[in-house]
Protein backbone atom coordinates (compact mmCIF):
# COMPACT_ATOMS: atom_id res chain seq x y z
CA MET A 1 15.44 18.69 5.58
CA ARG A 2 11.67 19.37 4.78
CA ASN A 3 11.39 23.13 5.79
CA GLN A 4 14.61 25.27 5.04
CA GLU A 5 12.37 28.54 5.39
CA PRO A 6 12.03 30.03 8.75
CA ARG A 7 9.40 28.85 11.14
CA ALA A 8 6.21 30.72 11.27
CA SER A 9 5.82 29.98 14.92
CA SER A 10 8.81 30.24 17.71
CA SER A 11 8.18 26.30 18.92
CA CYS A 12 7.58 23.45 16.69
CA ALA A 13 4.96 21.16 17.59
CA ALA A 14 7.37 18.93 19.49
CA CYS A 15 8.75 21.48 21.66
CA LYS A 16 4.97 22.81 22.42
CA PHE A 17 3.95 19.18 23.41
CA LEU A 18 7.28 19.05 25.66
CA LYS A 19 6.86 22.53 27.08
CA ARG A 20 10.34 23.69 26.33
CA ARG A 21 12.11 26.12 24.20
CA CYS A 22 12.60 25.24 20.50
CA THR A 23 16.18 25.77 19.59
CA PRO A 24 17.01 26.79 15.91
CA ASN A 25 18.89 23.09 15.50
CA CYS A 26 16.00 21.18 17.10
CA ILE A 27 15.95 17.87 15.50
CA PHE A 28 12.03 17.79 15.61
CA ALA A 29 11.22 21.31 14.13
CA PRO A 30 11.40 20.38 10.15
CA TYR A 31 9.21 17.01 10.60
CA PHE A 32 6.98 18.30 13.25
CA ARG A 33 5.52 21.64 12.45
CA SER A 34 3.86 23.80 14.82
CA ASP A 35 0.19 23.56 13.03
CA GLU A 36 0.24 19.62 13.36
CA PRO A 37 0.30 19.08 17.27
CA LYS A 38 -1.69 15.90 17.31
CA LYS A 39 0.93 14.31 14.73
CA PHE A 40 3.88 14.34 17.46
CA ALA A 41 1.50 13.76 20.37
CA ARG A 42 0.50 10.30 18.89
CA VAL A 43 3.96 9.62 17.94
CA HIS A 44 5.07 10.34 21.80
CA LYS A 45 2.43 8.69 23.17
CA VAL A 46 3.67 5.65 21.31
CA PHE A 47 7.55 5.84 20.90
CA GLY A 48 8.44 8.45 23.30
CA ALA A 49 10.36 11.87 22.47
CA SER A 50 13.86 10.33 23.32
CA ASN A 51 13.45 7.23 21.24
CA VAL A 52 12.30 9.29 18.46
CA SER A 53 15.14 11.84 18.63
CA LYS A 54 17.57 8.99 18.83
CA ILE A 55 16.16 7.23 15.59
CA LEU A 56 16.32 10.62 13.86
CA ILE A 57 20.03 11.33 14.91
CA GLU A 58 20.90 7.69 13.54
CA VAL A 59 18.90 8.20 10.25
CA PRO A 60 20.44 10.03 7.08
CA GLU A 61 19.10 13.36 6.78
CA GLU A 62 17.67 12.69 3.72
CA GLN A 63 15.54 9.57 5.14
CA ARG A 64 14.41 11.36 8.06
CA GLU A 65 11.05 12.70 6.55
CA ASP A 66 10.29 9.26 5.53
CA THR A 67 11.06 7.83 8.99
CA VAL A 68 8.98 10.20 10.60
CA ASN A 69 5.89 9.68 8.14
CA SER A 70 6.63 5.94 9.04
CA LEU A 71 6.68 6.35 12.72
CA ALA A 72 3.49 8.75 12.58
CA TYR A 73 1.79 5.94 10.41
CA GLU A 74 2.72 3.23 12.81
CA ALA A 75 1.68 5.49 15.95
CA GLU A 76 -1.52 6.06 14.37
CA ALA A 77 -2.15 2.31 13.54
CA ARG A 78 -0.97 1.06 17.22
CA LEU A 79 -3.37 3.62 18.74
CA THR A 80 -6.31 2.46 16.69
CA ASP A 81 -5.43 -1.21 17.04
CA PRO A 82 -3.26 -1.67 20.04
CA VAL A 83 -2.89 -5.36 19.64
CA TYR A 84 -1.71 -5.59 15.84
CA GLY A 85 -0.83 -2.17 14.99
CA CYS A 86 0.09 -1.86 11.33
CA ILE A 87 0.57 -5.86 10.93
CA GLY A 88 -3.16 -5.97 11.16
CA ALA A 89 -3.72 -3.57 8.24
CA ILE A 90 -1.11 -5.26 6.25
CA ALA A 91 -2.85 -8.62 6.84
CA LEU A 92 -5.80 -7.34 5.88
CA LEU A 93 -4.60 -5.97 2.44
CA GLN A 94 -2.92 -9.12 1.96
CA ARG A 95 -5.94 -11.35 2.63
CA LYS A 96 -7.52 -8.98 0.10
CA MET A 97 -4.95 -9.59 -2.39
CA VAL A 98 -5.42 -13.25 -2.37
CA GLU A 99 -9.23 -12.80 -2.69
CA LEU A 100 -8.73 -10.68 -5.69
CA GLN A 101 -6.04 -12.91 -7.14
CA VAL A 102 -8.64 -15.68 -6.86
CA ASP A 103 -11.17 -13.52 -8.79
CA LEU A 104 -8.83 -12.71 -11.47
CA ALA A 105 -7.80 -16.53 -11.91
CA ILE A 106 -11.76 -17.21 -12.23
CA ALA A 107 -12.16 -14.43 -14.57
CA ARG A 108 -9.18 -15.53 -16.81
CA ALA A 109 -10.51 -18.94 -16.71
CA ARG A 110 -13.85 -17.88 -17.94
CA LEU A 111 -12.47 -15.71 -20.82
CA ALA A 112 -10.20 -18.36 -21.73
CA ARG A 113 -13.18 -20.84 -21.85
CA TYR A 114 -15.05 -18.08 -23.80
CA ALA A 115 -12.12 -17.53 -26.21
CA ALA A 116 -11.89 -21.32 -27.03
CA ASN A 117 -15.67 -21.95 -27.59
CA SER A 118 -16.69 -18.45 -29.50
CA PRO A 119 -17.02 -19.01 -33.36
CA PRO A 120 -15.48 -16.47 -35.66
CA ILE A 121 -17.61 -13.25 -35.84
CA LEU A 122 -18.30 -11.46 -39.25
CA ASN A 123 -18.18 -7.66 -39.40
CA ASP A 124 -20.72 -5.73 -41.73
CA HIS A 125 -18.22 -6.13 -44.58
CA GLY A 126 -18.21 -10.07 -44.27
CA SER A 127 -14.81 -10.21 -42.84
CA MET A 128 -13.78 -12.02 -39.78
CA ILE A 129 -13.44 -9.85 -36.61
CA PRO A 130 -10.00 -10.72 -35.00
CA THR A 131 -10.36 -13.52 -32.23
CA LEU A 132 -9.04 -12.20 -28.45
CA ALA A 133 -5.86 -14.49 -29.16
CA GLU A 134 -4.78 -12.53 -32.19
CA PHE A 135 -4.47 -9.09 -30.01
CA PRO A 136 -0.77 -8.87 -28.50
CA ALA A 137 -2.08 -7.73 -25.25
CA CYS A 138 -4.85 -10.78 -24.85
CA GLY A 139 -2.73 -13.44 -26.55
CA GLY A 140 -0.50 -14.48 -23.60
CA LEU A 141 -3.87 -14.27 -21.31
CA VAL A 142 -5.75 -16.90 -23.58
CA ASP A 143 -2.56 -18.93 -24.17
CA SER A 144 -1.90 -19.12 -20.29
CA PHE A 145 -5.18 -20.98 -19.85
CA SER A 146 -4.77 -24.02 -21.83
CA GLN A 147 -6.10 -26.34 -19.05
CA SER A 148 -9.81 -27.62 -19.66
CA SER A 149 -12.30 -25.05 -18.03
CA SER A 150 -13.33 -27.76 -15.53
CA ASP A 151 -9.74 -28.42 -14.25
CA THR A 152 -9.35 -24.58 -14.19
CA MET A 153 -12.07 -23.73 -12.21
CA ASN A 154 -11.96 -26.65 -9.53
CA ASP A 155 -8.23 -26.35 -8.97
CA PHE A 156 -7.65 -24.22 -6.00
CA SER A 157 -5.02 -26.20 -4.45
CA GLN A 158 -2.73 -23.28 -4.56
CA PHE A 159 -5.22 -21.28 -2.46
CA PRO A 160 -5.29 -23.23 0.90
CA PHE A 161 -8.03 -21.11 2.62
CA ILE A 162 -10.79 -22.45 -0.06
CA SER A 163 -12.49 -25.69 0.81
């Protein structure tokens, strides 16, 4: 349980919201503190107190706090976006991830093209400065783009949303 110490208030947020007496073995008390009344109100509005208590009883005690946090997140998302809920947020993040993967592929292709076309650079002492491929962390980056730059820049078949 999250809170083993005695509660400062006589009732947890759930019992206050439901206008009932909070017992010492209240299933809601460790997860809906009295100073977070809106948290339970949102969860109750979306899931209902009975369903939440059934869920908490079925979940092992060490996973209950994560369960309540998930329920609170889903309730907040459902109230913000009643149609899609948290799935809308997940879809938005997945779209953003694909956009960033495209940006990364373009940056890697440009880096590979630059590394392949750049002449050796000499430092102030007349010795050659190591190329990007000579660094262990970057060698795989350059080697992974052995296609010509025009093929790499124009081949977006793996990204169906780019036309």
